[in-house]
Structure formats: structure tokens, C-alpha cells
């Protein structure tokens, strides 16, 4: 795994490595900080994949795998025929990247807005909702919710399902200090910096 901090760029802008779609997405971002992070993260991902596959980073082509739910091509991003899996997530000033030899998902989130926690918590697994309501409103509940959300999104990105109502409600990952890994997966919290939560999910052999 690699952590990108757009507040401290380590090298010159490498947007020439990006493809036309990535450059267009970067230009659509209104905030310069968001654009800077997007470019830094996607350039690093291309360089990591290029090094792993011994290819020109600028020549790497992405596709979408079939969705496990409907079969349409909007599942996990992949490099066709490559023996490597990857995942990327960004929030605020940070981005998290993971490469693995099997399906992997990562998520990174800034701590949630306290005003939204109660509303969004309704989309979680019933046991997770009970765990959250047992906590006092404030920092501890916000941290527990954000921790749970990153675990859930990392897992659903790893499977290729993405954030759907069924996956959110039906998947138990827990809100406590120790993740609850879904069957067939490992789930790990990742320390990414103060004010953020991170998680990584990898399919077991």
C-alpha cells in the first residue's frame, strides 16, 4: 500500500502519463487541491503498475470487470490480462493505493460530518446500527461510523459490487476496534493520519 499526501508533492506533475479520460476528469474538478490529489494519485498508480508489469506507465489501459451482481462491465477496474489487482481511494488531501496478487479493495475517508452520521447509519447492517446507537453522540460515534464505512467500502470495492443498498445493509464489518471480516476475506484497518480512517480488504487464497 502507498499513501499520497497532496499537501506535500514529492515530484513534478506527471499528468502526461494519464490517458485522455483521466485528464478530462482532472480538469472537471473545480478545487485545485482536488485536481492536484487526483493527478498525483493516478500518476503514482500508473507508475506502480508500470514497474510491476514492466510496461510504459503511459501505455497502461484500464477496463472494468463484470459486475458480480448483474454482469455488466462496471465492476472493479483492471489491467487486461495482468497478474495484478489494484484499488485506489481518495478523500480530502490523501489517497490510498493498494496492489496485490488477488482481488483487493481500499477505502480512505475523512471523519464524517456528525450531522450525517445518524441518517447514513440507517443504511448499515442492523448490528452495526445497534453498536453506533450504544455510543454517545460526538467524536466516538463519528470515529466508529467512519471506521465502519471505510471497512465496508473497501470490502465492496474488492468484490466489485460497489456501494449498493443490499451490500451496505447485508455486510457486517463492525464498528469497534477490531474489524469483522466477511467470509473469504481479510479486513484490516489502515492508519492514514489524524482526521481520517482507512481500511484494506483482500480475498483470501
C-alpha atoms as a PDB file:
ATOM      1  CA  UNK A   1       0.000   0.000   0.000  1.00  0.00           C
ATOM      2  CA  UNK A   2       1.045   3.574  -0.685  1.00  0.00           C
ATOM      3  CA  UNK A   3      -0.268   6.809   0.807  1.00  0.00           C
ATOM      4  CA  UNK A   4      -0.354  10.013  -1.242  1.00  0.00           C
ATOM      5  CA  UNK A   5      -0.464  13.406   0.502  1.00  0.00           C
ATOM      6  CA  UNK A   6      -1.225  16.168  -1.992  1.00  0.00           C
ATOM      7  CA  UNK A   7      -0.102  18.803   0.520  1.00  0.00           C
ATOM      8  CA  UNK A   8       3.476  17.569   0.135  1.00  0.00           C
ATOM      9  CA  UNK A   9       4.082  16.706  -3.540  1.00  0.00           C
ATOM     10  CA  UNK A  10       7.222  14.634  -3.868  1.00  0.00           C
ATOM     11  CA  UNK A  11       7.828  15.046  -7.592  1.00  0.00           C
ATOM     12  CA  UNK A  12       6.828  17.192 -10.584  1.00  0.00           C
ATOM     13  CA  UNK A  13       3.358  16.959 -12.098  1.00  0.00           C
ATOM     14  CA  UNK A  14       3.253  13.811 -14.248  1.00  0.00           C
ATOM     15  CA  UNK A  15      -0.098  14.348 -15.954  1.00  0.00           C
ATOM     16  CA  UNK A  16       1.483  13.476 -19.320  1.00  0.00           C
ATOM     17  CA  UNK A  17       1.283   9.838 -18.162  1.00  0.00           C
ATOM     18  CA  UNK A  18      -2.503   9.995 -17.826  1.00  0.00           C
ATOM     19  CA  UNK A  19      -4.859   8.960 -20.598  1.00  0.00           C
ATOM     20  CA  UNK A  20      -7.429  11.283 -22.150  1.00  0.00           C
ATOM     21  CA  UNK A  21     -10.245  10.188 -19.826  1.00  0.00           C
ATOM     22  CA  UNK A  22      -8.146  10.738 -16.700  1.00  0.00           C
ATOM     23  CA  UNK A  23      -7.028  14.181 -17.853  1.00  0.00           C
ATOM     24  CA  UNK A  24     -10.627  15.134 -18.620  1.00  0.00           C
ATOM     25  CA  UNK A  25     -11.744  14.002 -15.158  1.00  0.00           C
ATOM     26  CA  UNK A  26      -8.965  16.011 -13.555  1.00  0.00           C
ATOM     27  CA  UNK A  27      -9.991  19.131 -15.441  1.00  0.00           C
ATOM     28  CA  UNK A  28     -13.591  18.753 -14.284  1.00  0.00           C
ATOM     29  CA  UNK A  29     -12.513  19.045 -10.641  1.00  0.00           C
ATOM     30  CA  UNK A  30     -13.135  22.626  -9.563  1.00  0.00           C
ATOM     31  CA  UNK A  31     -10.926  22.786  -6.487  1.00  0.00           C
ATOM     32  CA  UNK A  32      -7.202  22.950  -7.319  1.00  0.00           C
ATOM     33  CA  UNK A  33      -6.439  20.759  -4.286  1.00  0.00           C
ATOM     34  CA  UNK A  34      -8.800  18.040  -5.557  1.00  0.00           C
ATOM     35  CA  UNK A  35      -7.258  18.223  -9.021  1.00  0.00           C
ATOM     36  CA  UNK A  36      -3.739  18.033  -7.576  1.00  0.00           C
ATOM     37  CA  UNK A  37      -4.594  14.962  -5.496  1.00  0.00           C
ATOM     38  CA  UNK A  38      -6.345  13.194  -8.365  1.00  0.00           C
ATOM     39  CA  UNK A  39      -3.382  13.699 -10.677  1.00  0.00           C
ATOM     40  CA  UNK A  40      -0.808  12.685  -8.053  1.00  0.00           C
ATOM     41  CA  UNK A  41      -2.701   9.502  -7.118  1.00  0.00           C
ATOM     42  CA  UNK A  42      -3.408   8.357 -10.663  1.00  0.00           C
ATOM     43  CA  UNK A  43       0.119   9.104 -11.833  1.00  0.00           C
ATOM     44  CA  UNK A  44       1.543   7.094  -8.933  1.00  0.00           C
ATOM     45  CA  UNK A  45      -0.832   4.197  -9.674  1.00  0.00           C
ATOM     46  CA  UNK A  46       0.359   4.118 -13.290  1.00  0.00           C
ATOM     47  CA  UNK A  47       3.993   4.174 -12.200  1.00  0.00           C
ATOM     48  CA  UNK A  48       3.449   1.367  -9.701  1.00  0.00           C
ATOM     49  CA  UNK A  49       1.651  -0.767 -12.271  1.00  0.00           C
ATOM     50  CA  UNK A  50       4.280   0.017 -14.872  1.00  0.00           C
ATOM     51  CA  UNK A  51       7.049  -1.112 -12.523  1.00  0.00           C
ATOM     52  CA  UNK A  52       5.179  -4.262 -11.507  1.00  0.00           C
ATOM     53  CA  UNK A  53       4.332  -5.219 -15.107  1.00  0.00           C
ATOM     54  CA  UNK A  54       7.500  -3.876 -16.750  1.00  0.00           C
ATOM     55  CA  UNK A  55       5.455  -1.633 -19.040  1.00  0.00           C
ATOM     56  CA  UNK A  56       5.384   2.013 -20.027  1.00  0.00           C
ATOM     57  CA  UNK A  57       3.082   3.657 -17.417  1.00  0.00           C
ATOM     58  CA  UNK A  58       1.543   5.903 -20.067  1.00  0.00           C
ATOM     59  CA  UNK A  59       0.572   2.879 -22.172  1.00  0.00           C
ATOM     60  CA  UNK A  60      -1.372   1.046 -19.470  1.00  0.00           C
ATOM     61  CA  UNK A  61      -5.032   0.575 -20.389  1.00  0.00           C
ATOM     62  CA  UNK A  62      -7.804   0.036 -17.871  1.00  0.00           C
ATOM     63  CA  UNK A  63     -11.026  -1.934 -18.250  1.00  0.00           C
ATOM     64  CA  UNK A  64     -13.923  -2.681 -15.920  1.00  0.00           C
ATOM     65  CA  UNK A  65     -14.538  -6.258 -14.858  1.00  0.00           C
ATOM     66  CA  UNK A  66     -18.081  -7.676 -14.964  1.00  0.00           C
ATOM     67  CA  UNK A  67     -20.251  -6.673 -12.022  1.00  0.00           C
ATOM     68  CA  UNK A  68     -20.814  -9.726  -9.762  1.00  0.00           C
ATOM     69  CA  UNK A  69     -24.437  -8.707  -9.389  1.00  0.00           C
ATOM     70  CA  UNK A  70     -25.622  -8.020 -12.934  1.00  0.00           C
ATOM     71  CA  UNK A  71     -22.680  -8.963 -15.162  1.00  0.00           C
ATOM     72  CA  UNK A  72     -22.439  -5.513 -16.750  1.00  0.00           C
ATOM     73  CA  UNK A  73     -18.926  -4.035 -17.241  1.00  0.00           C
ATOM     74  CA  UNK A  74     -18.919  -1.700 -14.244  1.00  0.00           C
ATOM     75  CA  UNK A  75     -17.122  -3.851 -11.679  1.00  0.00           C
ATOM     76  CA  UNK A  76     -13.558  -3.486 -10.397  1.00  0.00           C
ATOM     77  CA  UNK A  77     -11.050  -1.623 -12.596  1.00  0.00           C
ATOM     78  CA  UNK A  78      -8.334  -3.882 -14.004  1.00  0.00           C
ATOM     79  CA  UNK A  79      -5.463  -4.086 -16.488  1.00  0.00           C
ATOM     80  CA  UNK A  80      -6.475  -6.683 -19.100  1.00  0.00           C
ATOM     81  CA  UNK A  81      -4.564  -9.944 -18.703  1.00  0.00           C
ATOM     82  CA  UNK A  82      -2.293  -8.609 -15.960  1.00  0.00           C
ATOM     83  CA  UNK A  83      -1.474 -10.754 -12.889  1.00  0.00           C
ATOM     84  CA  UNK A  84      -2.008  -7.868 -10.517  1.00  0.00           C
ATOM     85  CA  UNK A  85      -5.053  -6.365  -8.807  1.00  0.00           C
ATOM     86  CA  UNK A  86      -5.277  -2.786  -7.552  1.00  0.00           C
ATOM     87  CA  UNK A  87      -7.503  -0.358  -5.727  1.00  0.00           C
ATOM     88  CA  UNK A  88      -7.398   3.411  -5.188  1.00  0.00           C
ATOM     89  CA  UNK A  89      -9.320   5.713  -2.878  1.00  0.00           C
ATOM     90  CA  UNK A  90      -9.014   9.416  -2.098  1.00  0.00           C
ATOM     91  CA  UNK A  91     -10.565  11.864   0.332  1.00  0.00           C
ATOM     92  CA  UNK A  92      -9.575  15.334   1.444  1.00  0.00           C
ATOM     93  CA  UNK A  93      -5.824  15.709   0.927  1.00  0.00           C
ATOM     94  CA  UNK A  94      -4.970  11.992   0.987  1.00  0.00           C
ATOM     95  CA  UNK A  95      -5.154   8.998  -1.339  1.00  0.00           C
ATOM     96  CA  UNK A  96      -4.516   5.317  -0.639  1.00  0.00           C
ATOM     97  CA  UNK A  97      -3.361   2.785  -3.243  1.00  0.00           C
ATOM     98  CA  UNK A  98      -3.019  -0.997  -2.913  1.00  0.00           C
ATOM     99  CA  UNK A  99      -1.592  -3.629  -5.266  1.00  0.00           C
ATOM    100  CA  UNK A 100      -1.985  -7.381  -4.676  1.00  0.00           C
ATOM    101  CA  UNK A 101      -1.849 -10.719  -6.456  1.00  0.00           C
ATOM    102  CA  UNK A 102      -5.542 -11.274  -5.679  1.00  0.00           C
ATOM    103  CA  UNK A 103      -8.670  -9.079  -5.501  1.00  0.00           C
ATOM    104  CA  UNK A 104      -8.136  -6.138  -3.170  1.00  0.00           C
ATOM    105  CA  UNK A 105     -10.086  -3.075  -2.108  1.00  0.00           C
ATOM    106  CA  UNK A 106      -9.079   0.002  -0.122  1.00  0.00           C
ATOM    107  CA  UNK A 107     -11.002   2.949   1.185  1.00  0.00           C
ATOM    108  CA  UNK A 108      -9.957   6.203   2.786  1.00  0.00           C
ATOM    109  CA  UNK A 109     -12.354   8.718   4.319  1.00  0.00           C
ATOM    110  CA  UNK A 110     -12.109  11.962   6.253  1.00  0.00           C
ATOM    111  CA  UNK A 111     -14.062  11.749   9.514  1.00  0.00           C
ATOM    112  CA  UNK A 112     -17.763  12.001   8.767  1.00  0.00           C
ATOM    113  CA  UNK A 113     -19.886  15.060   9.436  1.00  0.00           C
ATOM    114  CA  UNK A 114     -21.632  14.416  12.797  1.00  0.00           C
ATOM    115  CA  UNK A 115     -24.893  15.729  11.344  1.00  0.00           C
ATOM    116  CA  UNK A 116     -24.912  12.970   8.716  1.00  0.00           C
ATOM    117  CA  UNK A 117     -23.933  10.014  10.873  1.00  0.00           C
ATOM    118  CA  UNK A 118     -27.429   9.252  12.185  1.00  0.00           C
ATOM    119  CA  UNK A 119     -29.026   9.478   8.733  1.00  0.00           C
ATOM    120  CA  UNK A 120     -26.410   7.420   6.890  1.00  0.00           C
ATOM    121  CA  UNK A 121     -26.218   4.865   9.699  1.00  0.00           C
ATOM    122  CA  UNK A 122     -29.652   3.647   8.612  1.00  0.00           C
ATOM    123  CA  UNK A 123     -28.014   2.039   5.574  1.00  0.00           C
ATOM    124  CA  UNK A 124     -25.708  -0.151   7.699  1.00  0.00           C
ATOM    125  CA  UNK A 125     -26.090  -3.699   8.999  1.00  0.00           C
ATOM    126  CA  UNK A 126     -28.563  -3.910  11.943  1.00  0.00           C
ATOM    127  CA  UNK A 127     -25.813  -4.973  14.358  1.00  0.00           C
ATOM    128  CA  UNK A 128     -23.674  -2.010  13.309  1.00  0.00           C
ATOM    129  CA  UNK A 129     -26.588   0.345  13.889  1.00  0.00           C
ATOM    130  CA  UNK A 130     -27.005  -1.082  17.388  1.00  0.00           C
ATOM    131  CA  UNK A 131     -23.303  -0.621  18.102  1.00  0.00           C
ATOM    132  CA  UNK A 132     -23.431   3.014  16.997  1.00  0.00           C
ATOM    133  CA  UNK A 133     -26.542   3.895  18.985  1.00  0.00           C
ATOM    134  CA  UNK A 134     -24.869   2.479  22.107  1.00  0.00           C
ATOM    135  CA  UNK A 135     -22.173   5.156  21.794  1.00  0.00           C
ATOM    136  CA  UNK A 136     -22.636   8.771  22.943  1.00  0.00           C
ATOM    137  CA  UNK A 137     -23.129  11.317  20.210  1.00  0.00           C
ATOM    138  CA  UNK A 138     -19.885  13.083  19.379  1.00  0.00           C
ATOM    139  CA  UNK A 139     -16.358  12.111  18.478  1.00  0.00           C
ATOM    140  CA  UNK A 140     -16.520   8.443  19.474  1.00  0.00           C
ATOM    141  CA  UNK A 141     -19.638   7.796  17.368  1.00  0.00           C
ATOM    142  CA  UNK A 142     -18.218   9.691  14.379  1.00  0.00           C
ATOM    143  CA  UNK A 143     -14.965   7.734  14.553  1.00  0.00           C
ATOM    144  CA  UNK A 144     -16.792   4.409  14.865  1.00  0.00           C
ATOM    145  CA  UNK A 145     -19.076   5.210  11.937  1.00  0.00           C
ATOM    146  CA  UNK A 146     -16.204   6.319   9.682  1.00  0.00           C
ATOM    147  CA  UNK A 147     -14.203   3.236  10.649  1.00  0.00           C
ATOM    148  CA  UNK A 148     -17.158   1.024   9.734  1.00  0.00           C
ATOM    149  CA  UNK A 149     -17.817   2.838   6.457  1.00  0.00           C
ATOM    150  CA  UNK A 150     -14.233   2.513   5.214  1.00  0.00           C
ATOM    151  CA  UNK A 151     -14.196  -1.207   6.041  1.00  0.00           C
ATOM    152  CA  UNK A 152     -17.468  -1.760   4.234  1.00  0.00           C
ATOM    153  CA  UNK A 153     -16.461   0.214   1.158  1.00  0.00           C
ATOM    154  CA  UNK A 154     -13.036  -1.472   0.991  1.00  0.00           C
ATOM    155  CA  UNK A 155     -14.713  -4.891   1.026  1.00  0.00           C
ATOM    156  CA  UNK A 156     -17.361  -3.966  -1.558  1.00  0.00           C
ATOM    157  CA  UNK A 157     -14.715  -2.457  -3.831  1.00  0.00           C
ATOM    158  CA  UNK A 158     -12.710  -5.649  -3.512  1.00  0.00           C
ATOM    159  CA  UNK A 159     -15.652  -7.809  -4.562  1.00  0.00           C
ATOM    160  CA  UNK A 160     -16.572  -5.407  -7.350  1.00  0.00           C
ATOM    161  CA  UNK A 161     -20.085  -4.872  -6.020  1.00  0.00           C
ATOM    162  CA  UNK A 162     -19.538  -1.239  -5.127  1.00  0.00           C
ATOM    163  CA  UNK A 163     -21.687   0.713  -2.702  1.00  0.00           C
ATOM    164  CA  UNK A 164     -25.219  -0.630  -3.080  1.00  0.00           C
ATOM    165  CA  UNK A 165     -28.123  -0.750  -0.667  1.00  0.00           C
ATOM    166  CA  UNK A 166     -28.012  -4.541  -0.389  1.00  0.00           C
ATOM    167  CA  UNK A 167     -24.253  -4.645   0.165  1.00  0.00           C
ATOM    168  CA  UNK A 168     -24.332  -1.945   2.811  1.00  0.00           C
ATOM    169  CA  UNK A 169     -27.136  -3.489   4.846  1.00  0.00           C
ATOM    170  CA  UNK A 170     -26.190  -7.119   4.330  1.00  0.00           C
ATOM    171  CA  UNK A 171     -22.449  -6.936   5.002  1.00  0.00           C
ATOM    172  CA  UNK A 172     -21.220  -6.955   8.601  1.00  0.00           C
ATOM    173  CA  UNK A 173     -17.786  -5.413   9.203  1.00  0.00           C
ATOM    174  CA  UNK A 174     -18.331  -3.946  12.681  1.00  0.00           C
ATOM    175  CA  UNK A 175     -17.772  -0.514  14.199  1.00  0.00           C
ATOM    176  CA  UNK A 176     -15.400  -1.484  17.025  1.00  0.00           C
ATOM    177  CA  UNK A 177     -11.634  -1.513  17.258  1.00  0.00           C
ATOM    178  CA  UNK A 178     -11.340  -4.939  15.581  1.00  0.00           C
ATOM    179  CA  UNK A 179     -12.871  -5.446  12.106  1.00  0.00           C
ATOM    180  CA  UNK A 180     -15.281  -8.294  11.385  1.00  0.00           C
ATOM    181  CA  UNK A 181     -14.025  -9.830   8.141  1.00  0.00           C
ATOM    182  CA  UNK A 182     -16.629 -11.221   5.717  1.00  0.00           C
ATOM    183  CA  UNK A 183     -16.125 -14.918   4.870  1.00  0.00           C
ATOM    184  CA  UNK A 184     -13.283 -15.461   2.413  1.00  0.00           C
ATOM    185  CA  UNK A 185     -11.680 -12.063   3.005  1.00  0.00           C
ATOM    186  CA  UNK A 186      -9.200 -10.431   5.344  1.00  0.00           C
ATOM    187  CA  UNK A 187     -10.076  -6.945   6.564  1.00  0.00           C
ATOM    188  CA  UNK A 188      -7.565  -4.587   8.136  1.00  0.00           C
ATOM    189  CA  UNK A 189      -7.781  -1.029   9.422  1.00  0.00           C
ATOM    190  CA  UNK A 190      -5.044   1.194   7.964  1.00  0.00           C
ATOM    191  CA  UNK A 191      -3.613   4.154   9.838  1.00  0.00           C
ATOM    192  CA  UNK A 192      -3.609   7.002   7.349  1.00  0.00           C
ATOM    193  CA  UNK A 193      -3.370  10.121   9.504  1.00  0.00           C
ATOM    194  CA  UNK A 194      -5.256  12.172  12.040  1.00  0.00           C
ATOM    195  CA  UNK A 195      -8.777  13.048  10.978  1.00  0.00           C
ATOM    196  CA  UNK A 196      -9.056  10.098   8.585  1.00  0.00           C
ATOM    197  CA  UNK A 197      -9.904   6.407   8.624  1.00  0.00           C
ATOM    198  CA  UNK A 198      -8.663   3.766   6.192  1.00  0.00           C
ATOM    199  CA  UNK A 199      -9.217   0.086   5.501  1.00  0.00           C
ATOM    200  CA  UNK A 200      -7.954  -2.651   3.208  1.00  0.00           C
ATOM    201  CA  UNK A 201      -9.734  -5.868   2.234  1.00  0.00           C
ATOM    202  CA  UNK A 202      -8.009  -8.750   0.440  1.00  0.00           C
ATOM    203  CA  UNK A 203      -9.563 -12.009  -0.754  1.00  0.00           C
ATOM    204  CA  UNK A 204      -8.008 -14.986   0.981  1.00  0.00           C
ATOM    205  CA  UNK A 205      -6.266 -17.716  -1.003  1.00  0.00           C
END
